[in-house]
């Protein structure tokens, strides 16, 4: 089923990852990135269980996001959406969710890496106030480079206004 902005999109539910989601997350990661870091996801889940979310449609995992915090810096480790659901707003919803989770933990900034030629993802991140701050050559297993992007954490002034 090809999903896009013009078609009806069934209700998307964003919820915390559960260990039962592992096979679907692993398959999605292989589809999206052609890499398998799934055992690392289990470790991240053990250390940061409240920073791992999935998007589901009709109880099927169609996207996920994993975040972590090191020394008050949030990091979006991975964000992926199944090909047939891209362009439907699921990626943005997952990104908004993890930003909210990380900022409530008072991070100073949020950092992520994105494949240098992934223009769609870079546009999404820029729309959420991420700025390009560097490049990491040969970041991906296939030798591709990554753009490092950051955004400042939510200030206390804005945080109190949003309560």
Protein backbone atom coordinates (compact mmCIF):
# COMPACT_ATOMS: atom_id res chain seq x y z
CA UNK A 1 0.00 0.00 0.00
CA UNK A 2 1.58 3.26 -1.14
CA UNK A 3 0.77 6.08 1.27
CA UNK A 4 1.18 9.75 0.52
CA UNK A 5 -0.23 13.09 1.59
CA UNK A 6 -3.16 12.91 -0.83
CA UNK A 7 -4.41 9.49 0.28
CA UNK A 8 -6.24 8.56 3.43
CA UNK A 9 -3.74 7.67 6.14
CA UNK A 10 -5.01 5.36 8.86
CA UNK A 11 -4.53 6.53 12.42
CA UNK A 12 -0.88 6.61 13.39
CA UNK A 13 -0.05 5.79 16.99
CA UNK A 14 3.31 6.79 18.45
CA UNK A 15 4.19 4.80 21.54
CA UNK A 16 7.21 3.61 23.44
CA UNK A 17 9.11 0.68 21.98
CA UNK A 18 8.50 -2.71 23.54
CA UNK A 19 10.76 -5.72 23.16
CA UNK A 20 8.01 -7.35 21.06
CA UNK A 21 8.63 -4.65 18.42
CA UNK A 22 12.22 -5.77 17.93
CA UNK A 23 11.70 -7.96 14.80
CA UNK A 24 9.77 -5.21 12.98
CA UNK A 25 12.28 -2.51 13.97
CA UNK A 26 15.13 -4.69 12.76
CA UNK A 27 13.42 -5.33 9.41
CA UNK A 28 12.65 -1.62 9.04
CA UNK A 29 16.27 -0.70 9.75
CA UNK A 30 17.52 -3.14 7.14
CA UNK A 31 15.03 -1.74 4.63
CA UNK A 32 15.80 1.90 5.36
CA UNK A 33 19.56 1.81 5.89
CA UNK A 34 20.73 -1.57 4.58
CA UNK A 35 22.55 -1.93 7.91
CA UNK A 36 21.90 -3.96 11.01
CA UNK A 37 22.58 -2.18 14.32
CA UNK A 38 19.70 -3.99 15.98
CA UNK A 39 21.70 -5.42 18.88
CA UNK A 40 22.84 -1.88 19.64
CA UNK A 41 19.16 -0.86 19.74
CA UNK A 42 18.52 -3.43 22.45
CA UNK A 43 21.40 -1.96 24.49
CA UNK A 44 20.08 1.57 23.98
CA UNK A 45 16.64 0.41 25.05
CA UNK A 46 18.12 -1.02 28.24
CA UNK A 47 19.88 2.27 29.09
CA UNK A 48 17.34 4.75 27.64
CA UNK A 49 13.96 2.98 27.61
CA UNK A 50 12.02 6.23 27.59
CA UNK A 51 13.82 7.49 24.45
CA UNK A 52 12.81 4.75 22.00
CA UNK A 53 9.49 5.15 20.15
CA UNK A 54 7.68 3.41 17.33
CA UNK A 55 4.96 4.62 15.00
CA UNK A 56 2.28 2.05 14.26
CA UNK A 57 -0.57 1.83 11.78
CA UNK A 58 -3.06 -0.97 12.41
CA UNK A 59 -0.62 -2.47 14.95
CA UNK A 60 2.17 -2.63 12.34
CA UNK A 61 5.43 -0.78 13.09
CA UNK A 62 5.92 1.69 10.23
CA UNK A 63 8.59 3.90 11.81
CA UNK A 64 10.86 4.32 14.80
CA UNK A 65 13.14 6.80 16.50
CA UNK A 66 15.89 6.22 19.06
CA UNK A 67 17.41 8.95 21.21
CA UNK A 68 19.95 9.09 24.01
CA UNK A 69 21.57 11.63 26.28
CA UNK A 70 25.25 11.98 27.10
CA UNK A 71 26.40 14.88 29.31
CA UNK A 72 23.24 16.94 28.71
CA UNK A 73 23.52 16.58 24.94
CA UNK A 74 20.70 14.71 23.27
CA UNK A 75 21.44 12.56 20.27
CA UNK A 76 19.00 11.20 17.78
CA UNK A 77 20.66 7.89 17.02
CA UNK A 78 18.22 6.75 14.36
CA UNK A 79 14.93 7.68 12.72
CA UNK A 80 13.35 5.58 9.98
CA UNK A 81 9.98 5.20 8.25
CA UNK A 82 8.92 2.37 5.94
CA UNK A 83 9.18 3.40 2.29
CA UNK A 84 5.44 3.12 1.63
CA UNK A 85 4.69 5.53 4.50
CA UNK A 86 7.27 8.22 3.75
CA UNK A 87 5.90 11.66 2.98
CA UNK A 88 2.88 11.14 5.22
CA UNK A 89 4.16 13.10 8.25
CA UNK A 90 5.19 10.06 10.31
CA UNK A 91 8.88 11.01 10.29
CA UNK A 92 8.06 14.52 11.46
CA UNK A 93 5.77 13.19 14.21
CA UNK A 94 8.53 10.86 15.45
CA UNK A 95 11.05 13.70 15.33
CA UNK A 96 8.72 16.00 17.29
CA UNK A 97 8.20 13.26 19.88
CA UNK A 98 11.91 12.60 20.49
CA UNK A 99 12.72 16.32 20.57
CA UNK A 100 10.02 16.78 23.22
CA UNK A 101 11.34 13.85 25.27
CA UNK A 102 14.96 15.06 25.08
CA UNK A 103 14.13 18.69 25.85
CA UNK A 104 12.10 17.73 28.91
CA UNK A 105 15.32 16.18 30.18
CA UNK A 106 16.95 19.63 29.94
CA UNK A 107 19.47 18.90 27.18
CA UNK A 108 21.66 21.80 26.06
CA UNK A 109 21.45 20.73 22.43
CA UNK A 110 20.30 17.89 20.23
CA UNK A 111 22.62 16.37 17.66
CA UNK A 112 22.13 13.92 14.80
CA UNK A 113 23.90 12.63 11.73
CA UNK A 114 22.28 12.35 8.32
CA UNK A 115 23.60 10.89 5.08
CA UNK A 116 25.13 13.69 3.01
CA UNK A 117 22.91 13.03 -0.01
CA UNK A 118 19.63 12.53 1.91
CA UNK A 119 18.00 15.81 0.89
CA UNK A 120 14.52 14.85 2.13
CA UNK A 121 15.78 14.14 5.67
CA UNK A 122 17.95 17.27 5.71
CA UNK A 123 14.91 19.40 4.75
CA UNK A 124 12.89 17.80 7.56
CA UNK A 125 15.61 18.47 10.13
CA UNK A 126 16.09 22.06 8.94
CA UNK A 127 12.33 22.61 9.25
CA UNK A 128 12.72 21.65 12.93
CA UNK A 129 15.54 24.20 13.49
CA UNK A 130 18.50 21.86 13.04
CA UNK A 131 21.55 23.46 11.46
CA UNK A 132 24.45 21.82 9.65
CA UNK A 133 27.56 22.08 11.84
CA UNK A 134 30.02 19.61 10.34
CA UNK A 135 30.71 16.60 8.22
CA UNK A 136 32.07 13.16 9.08
CA UNK A 137 33.73 11.50 6.08
CA UNK A 138 33.30 7.73 5.67
CA UNK A 139 30.70 7.62 8.46
CA UNK A 140 28.57 4.87 6.92
CA UNK A 141 29.66 1.31 6.22
CA UNK A 142 29.51 1.93 2.47
CA UNK A 143 31.93 4.88 2.81
CA UNK A 144 29.26 7.58 2.63
CA UNK A 145 29.73 10.81 4.55
CA UNK A 146 27.40 12.16 7.23
CA UNK A 147 26.34 15.73 7.85
CA UNK A 148 26.25 16.58 11.57
CA UNK A 149 23.23 18.70 12.49
CA UNK A 150 22.38 20.35 15.81
CA UNK A 151 19.68 22.41 17.42
CA UNK A 152 19.78 24.22 20.71
CA UNK A 153 17.77 22.73 23.56
CA UNK A 154 14.59 24.43 24.67
CA UNK A 155 15.40 27.40 26.85
CA UNK A 156 13.86 27.64 30.31
CA UNK A 157 12.03 30.76 29.21
CA UNK A 158 10.30 28.89 26.38
CA UNK A 159 9.90 25.74 28.48
CA UNK A 160 7.93 27.48 31.22
CA UNK A 161 5.78 29.20 28.60
CA UNK A 162 4.94 25.80 27.04
CA UNK A 163 3.79 24.17 30.30
